[in-house]
């Protein structure tokens, strides 16, 4: 489990998506973080 990696992933996703897509971004970030956490745990 690497919280920093997840945080960087979320920041990257947030910074590359339009503001109106925030809900999708949050879902995508959670999914990406979950996948990363499982893969690198």
PDB file of N, CA and C in Angstrom:
ATOM      1  N   UNK A   1       0.858  -1.199   0.000  1.00  0.00           N
ATOM      2  CA  UNK A   1       0.000   0.000   0.000  1.00  0.00           C
ATOM      3  C   UNK A   1       0.888   1.241   0.000  1.00  0.00           C
ATOM      4  N   UNK A   2       0.662   2.107  -0.974  1.00  0.00           N
ATOM      5  CA  UNK A   2       1.494   3.308  -1.095  1.00  0.00           C
ATOM      6  C   UNK A   2       0.594   4.534  -1.225  1.00  0.00           C
ATOM      7  N   UNK A   3       0.257   5.187  -0.100  1.00  0.00           N
ATOM      8  CA  UNK A   3      -0.639   6.355  -0.118  1.00  0.00           C
ATOM      9  C   UNK A   3      -0.124   7.459  -1.025  1.00  0.00           C
ATOM     10  N   UNK A   4       1.187   7.651  -1.057  1.00  0.00           N
ATOM     11  CA  UNK A   4       1.753   8.722  -1.870  1.00  0.00           C
ATOM     12  C   UNK A   4       1.465   8.480  -3.344  1.00  0.00           C
ATOM     13  N   UNK A   5       1.632   7.241  -3.777  1.00  0.00           N
ATOM     14  CA  UNK A   5       1.359   6.908  -5.173  1.00  0.00           C
ATOM     15  C   UNK A   5      -0.099   7.216  -5.514  1.00  0.00           C
ATOM     16  N   UNK A   6      -1.015   6.815  -4.617  1.00  0.00           N
ATOM     17  CA  UNK A   6      -2.423   7.078  -4.844  1.00  0.00           C
ATOM     18  C   UNK A   6      -2.710   8.569  -4.914  1.00  0.00           C
ATOM     19  N   UNK A   7      -2.057   9.335  -4.041  1.00  0.00           N
ATOM     20  CA  UNK A   7      -2.263  10.781  -4.010  1.00  0.00           C
ATOM     21  C   UNK A   7      -1.763  11.407  -5.309  1.00  0.00           C
ATOM     22  N   UNK A   8      -0.618  10.974  -5.776  1.00  0.00           N
ATOM     23  CA  UNK A   8      -0.068  11.502  -7.025  1.00  0.00           C
ATOM     24  C   UNK A   8      -0.989  11.163  -8.192  1.00  0.00           C
ATOM     25  N   UNK A   9      -1.532   9.949  -8.173  1.00  0.00           N
ATOM     26  CA  UNK A   9      -2.449   9.531  -9.230  1.00  0.00           C
ATOM     27  C   UNK A   9      -3.681  10.420  -9.247  1.00  0.00           C
ATOM     28  N   UNK A  10      -4.241  10.673  -8.059  1.00  0.00           N
ATOM     29  CA  UNK A  10      -5.430  11.525  -7.990  1.00  0.00           C
ATOM     30  C   UNK A  10      -5.111  12.925  -8.477  1.00  0.00           C
ATOM     31  N   UNK A  11      -3.968  13.462  -8.056  1.00  0.00           N
ATOM     32  CA  UNK A  11      -3.601  14.807  -8.480  1.00  0.00           C
ATOM     33  C   UNK A  11      -3.455  14.870  -9.990  1.00  0.00           C
ATOM     34  N   UNK A  12      -2.851  13.844 -10.567  1.00  0.00           N
ATOM     35  CA  UNK A  12      -2.662  13.801 -12.012  1.00  0.00           C
ATOM     36  C   UNK A  12      -4.006  13.760 -12.726  1.00  0.00           C
ATOM     37  N   UNK A  13      -4.908  12.912 -12.230  1.00  0.00           N
ATOM     38  CA  UNK A  13      -6.225  12.792 -12.846  1.00  0.00           C
ATOM     39  C   UNK A  13      -6.993  14.103 -12.718  1.00  0.00           C
ATOM     40  N   UNK A  14      -6.980  14.693 -11.519  1.00  0.00           N
ATOM     41  CA  UNK A  14      -7.687  15.955 -11.320  1.00  0.00           C
ATOM     42  C   UNK A  14      -7.157  17.032 -12.252  1.00  0.00           C
ATOM     43  N   UNK A  15      -5.844  17.099 -12.413  1.00  0.00           N
ATOM     44  CA  UNK A  15      -5.232  18.187 -13.168  1.00  0.00           C
ATOM     45  C   UNK A  15      -5.449  18.035 -14.665  1.00  0.00           C
ATOM     46  N   UNK A  16      -5.862  16.839 -15.121  1.00  0.00           N
ATOM     47  CA  UNK A  16      -6.014  16.623 -16.553  1.00  0.00           C
ATOM     48  C   UNK A  16      -7.472  16.516 -16.977  1.00  0.00           C
ATOM     49  N   UNK A  17      -8.396  16.709 -16.042  1.00  0.00           N
ATOM     50  CA  UNK A  17      -9.819  16.628 -16.366  1.00  0.00           C
ATOM     51  C   UNK A  17     -10.499  17.979 -16.151  1.00  0.00           C
ATOM     52  N   UNK A  18     -11.503  18.287 -16.988  1.00  0.00           N
ATOM     53  CA  UNK A  18     -12.272  19.513 -16.789  1.00  0.00           C
ATOM     54  C   UNK A  18     -13.050  19.476 -15.476  1.00  0.00           C
ATOM     55  N   UNK A  19     -13.317  20.651 -14.942  1.00  0.00           N
ATOM     56  CA  UNK A  19     -13.959  20.756 -13.631  1.00  0.00           C
ATOM     57  C   UNK A  19     -15.344  20.128 -13.627  1.00  0.00           C
ATOM     58  N   UNK A  20     -16.080  20.261 -14.739  1.00  0.00           N
ATOM     59  CA  UNK A  20     -17.452  19.751 -14.752  1.00  0.00           C
ATOM     60  C   UNK A  20     -17.486  18.226 -14.662  1.00  0.00           C
ATOM     61  N   UNK A  21     -16.343  17.589 -14.840  1.00  0.00           N
ATOM     62  CA  UNK A  21     -16.281  16.133 -14.821  1.00  0.00           C
ATOM     63  C   UNK A  21     -15.820  15.606 -13.461  1.00  0.00           C
ATOM     64  N   UNK A  22     -15.973  16.437 -12.435  1.00  0.00           N
ATOM     65  CA  UNK A  22     -15.427  16.122 -11.116  1.00  0.00           C
ATOM     66  C   UNK A  22     -15.914  14.779 -10.579  1.00  0.00           C
ATOM     67  N   UNK A  23     -17.208  14.495 -10.728  1.00  0.00           N
ATOM     68  CA  UNK A  23     -17.734  13.243 -10.186  1.00  0.00           C
ATOM     69  C   UNK A  23     -17.102  12.037 -10.865  1.00  0.00           C
ATOM     70  N   UNK A  24     -16.960  12.109 -12.181  1.00  0.00           N
ATOM     71  CA  UNK A  24     -16.325  11.009 -12.906  1.00  0.00           C
ATOM     72  C   UNK A  24     -14.870  10.889 -12.495  1.00  0.00           C
ATOM     73  N   UNK A  25     -14.232  12.032 -12.293  1.00  0.00           N
ATOM     74  CA  UNK A  25     -12.827  12.042 -11.884  1.00  0.00           C
ATOM     75  C   UNK A  25     -12.674  11.356 -10.537  1.00  0.00           C
ATOM     76  N   UNK A  26     -13.557  11.676  -9.605  1.00  0.00           N
ATOM     77  CA  UNK A  26     -13.486  11.060  -8.279  1.00  0.00           C
ATOM     78  C   UNK A  26     -13.633   9.544  -8.390  1.00  0.00           C
ATOM     79  N   UNK A  27     -14.596   9.088  -9.180  1.00  0.00           N
ATOM     80  CA  UNK A  27     -14.800   7.653  -9.351  1.00  0.00           C
ATOM     81  C   UNK A  27     -13.572   7.020  -9.984  1.00  0.00           C
ATOM     82  N   UNK A  28     -13.056   7.652 -11.028  1.00  0.00           N
ATOM     83  CA  UNK A  28     -11.878   7.129 -11.708  1.00  0.00           C
ATOM     84  C   UNK A  28     -10.673   7.097 -10.789  1.00  0.00           C
ATOM     85  N   UNK A  29     -10.530   8.140  -9.973  1.00  0.00           N
ATOM     86  CA  UNK A  29      -9.391   8.217  -9.062  1.00  0.00           C
ATOM     87  C   UNK A  29      -9.479   7.103  -8.022  1.00  0.00           C
ATOM     88  N   UNK A  30     -10.685   6.870  -7.502  1.00  0.00           N
ATOM     89  CA  UNK A  30     -10.857   5.814  -6.506  1.00  0.00           C
ATOM     90  C   UNK A  30     -10.553   4.454  -7.113  1.00  0.00           C
ATOM     91  N   UNK A  31     -11.028   4.236  -8.345  1.00  0.00           N
ATOM     92  CA  UNK A  31     -10.777   2.961  -9.012  1.00  0.00           C
ATOM     93  C   UNK A  31      -9.290   2.778  -9.274  1.00  0.00           C
ATOM     94  N   UNK A  32      -8.651   3.828  -9.778  1.00  0.00           N
ATOM     95  CA  UNK A  32      -7.225   3.763 -10.086  1.00  0.00           C
ATOM     96  C   UNK A  32      -6.417   3.514  -8.817  1.00  0.00           C
ATOM     97  N   UNK A  33      -6.784   4.224  -7.751  1.00  0.00           N
ATOM     98  CA  UNK A  33      -6.072   4.056  -6.485  1.00  0.00           C
ATOM     99  C   UNK A  33      -6.256   2.638  -5.956  1.00  0.00           C
ATOM    100  N   UNK A  34      -7.467   2.115  -6.062  1.00  0.00           N
ATOM    101  CA  UNK A  34      -7.735   0.761  -5.590  1.00  0.00           C
ATOM    102  C   UNK A  34      -6.905  -0.247  -6.377  1.00  0.00           C
ATOM    103  N   UNK A  35      -6.855  -0.079  -7.697  1.00  0.00           N
ATOM    104  CA  UNK A  35      -6.075  -0.987  -8.532  1.00  0.00           C
ATOM    105  C   UNK A  35      -4.601  -0.906  -8.180  1.00  0.00           C
ATOM    106  N   UNK A  36      -4.106   0.307  -8.002  1.00  0.00           N
ATOM    107  CA  UNK A  36      -2.698   0.505  -7.651  1.00  0.00           C
ATOM    108  C   UNK A  36      -2.402  -0.117  -6.291  1.00  0.00           C
ATOM    109  N   UNK A  37      -3.297   0.098  -5.336  1.00  0.00           N
ATOM    110  CA  UNK A  37      -3.084  -0.441  -3.994  1.00  0.00           C
ATOM    111  C   UNK A  37      -3.037  -1.966  -4.024  1.00  0.00           C
ATOM    112  N   UNK A  38      -3.909  -2.566  -4.808  1.00  0.00           N
ATOM    113  CA  UNK A  38      -3.930  -4.027  -4.904  1.00  0.00           C
ATOM    114  C   UNK A  38      -2.660  -4.517  -5.592  1.00  0.00           C
ATOM    115  N   UNK A  39      -2.278  -3.834  -6.663  1.00  0.00           N
ATOM    116  CA  UNK A  39      -1.132  -4.270  -7.463  1.00  0.00           C
ATOM    117  C   UNK A  39       0.173  -4.147  -6.690  1.00  0.00           C
ATOM    118  N   UNK A  40       0.289  -3.091  -5.895  1.00  0.00           N
ATOM    119  CA  UNK A  40       1.558  -2.810  -5.228  1.00  0.00           C
ATOM    120  C   UNK A  40       1.551  -3.133  -3.739  1.00  0.00           C
ATOM    121  N   UNK A  41       0.445  -3.695  -3.280  1.00  0.00           N
ATOM    122  CA  UNK A  41       0.335  -3.965  -1.851  1.00  0.00           C
ATOM    123  C   UNK A  41       1.378  -4.998  -1.415  1.00  0.00           C
TER     124      UNK A  41
END
